[in-house]
């Protein structure tokens, strides 16, 4: 079974954001601006991305 991956980049600062949004970004493994991480797509990951989508750039990886 093929699991698709996504590349996630933080493009807006988390300074001054809601505490739960900051915690969500950190739980994705992102620590600072322009950090890029790759994750396998899961329902939990989709929910996290949806919550803080206004801070992120998300693209699928082959």
Protein backbone atom coordinates (compact mmCIF):
# COMPACT_ATOMS: atom_id res chain seq x y z
CA UNK A 1 0.00 0.00 0.00
CA UNK A 2 1.41 3.36 -1.04
CA UNK A 3 1.43 6.07 1.60
CA UNK A 4 1.66 9.60 0.27
CA UNK A 5 3.92 12.12 1.93
CA UNK A 6 3.66 15.88 2.35
CA UNK A 7 6.30 18.57 2.77
CA UNK A 8 5.23 21.22 5.28
CA UNK A 9 6.91 24.64 5.60
CA UNK A 10 6.17 27.34 8.17
CA UNK A 11 5.76 30.57 6.17
CA UNK A 12 4.21 32.82 8.84
CA UNK A 13 5.44 33.44 12.37
CA UNK A 14 3.83 31.77 15.39
CA UNK A 15 4.54 34.82 17.55
CA UNK A 16 1.31 36.15 19.06
CA UNK A 17 -0.79 33.19 17.87
CA UNK A 18 -3.19 31.21 20.04
CA UNK A 19 -1.38 28.82 22.41
CA UNK A 20 -3.05 25.75 20.90
CA UNK A 21 -1.97 26.82 17.40
CA UNK A 22 1.63 27.24 18.58
CA UNK A 23 1.48 23.78 20.18
CA UNK A 24 0.09 22.29 16.96
CA UNK A 25 2.93 23.75 14.87
CA UNK A 26 5.48 22.41 17.35
CA UNK A 27 3.83 18.98 17.31
CA UNK A 28 4.44 18.90 13.55
CA UNK A 29 8.17 19.14 14.32
CA UNK A 30 8.52 22.75 13.16
CA UNK A 31 10.53 25.04 15.42
CA UNK A 32 11.03 28.27 13.48
CA UNK A 33 10.20 30.17 10.29
CA UNK A 34 11.05 28.44 7.00
CA UNK A 35 11.56 25.06 8.70
CA UNK A 36 10.57 22.22 6.38
CA UNK A 37 9.44 18.77 7.52
CA UNK A 38 8.09 15.72 5.70
CA UNK A 39 5.34 13.52 7.09
CA UNK A 40 3.23 10.59 5.93
CA UNK A 41 -0.42 11.60 5.61
CA UNK A 42 -2.69 10.37 8.41
CA UNK A 43 -6.10 11.60 9.60
CA UNK A 44 -4.40 13.19 12.64
CA UNK A 45 -1.94 15.02 10.41
CA UNK A 46 -4.73 16.32 8.16
CA UNK A 47 -6.49 17.75 11.23
CA UNK A 48 -3.33 19.49 12.45
CA UNK A 49 -2.69 20.98 9.00
CA UNK A 50 -6.30 22.17 8.75
CA UNK A 51 -6.08 23.94 12.13
CA UNK A 52 -2.98 25.99 11.28
CA UNK A 53 -3.22 26.02 7.46
CA UNK A 54 -2.97 29.84 7.44
CA UNK A 55 0.62 29.55 8.76
CA UNK A 56 1.82 26.76 6.46
CA UNK A 57 2.75 25.92 2.90
CA UNK A 58 1.91 22.27 2.16
CA UNK A 59 2.89 20.33 -0.94
CA UNK A 60 2.73 16.65 -1.85
CA UNK A 61 5.99 14.75 -2.32
CA UNK A 62 6.42 11.90 -4.79
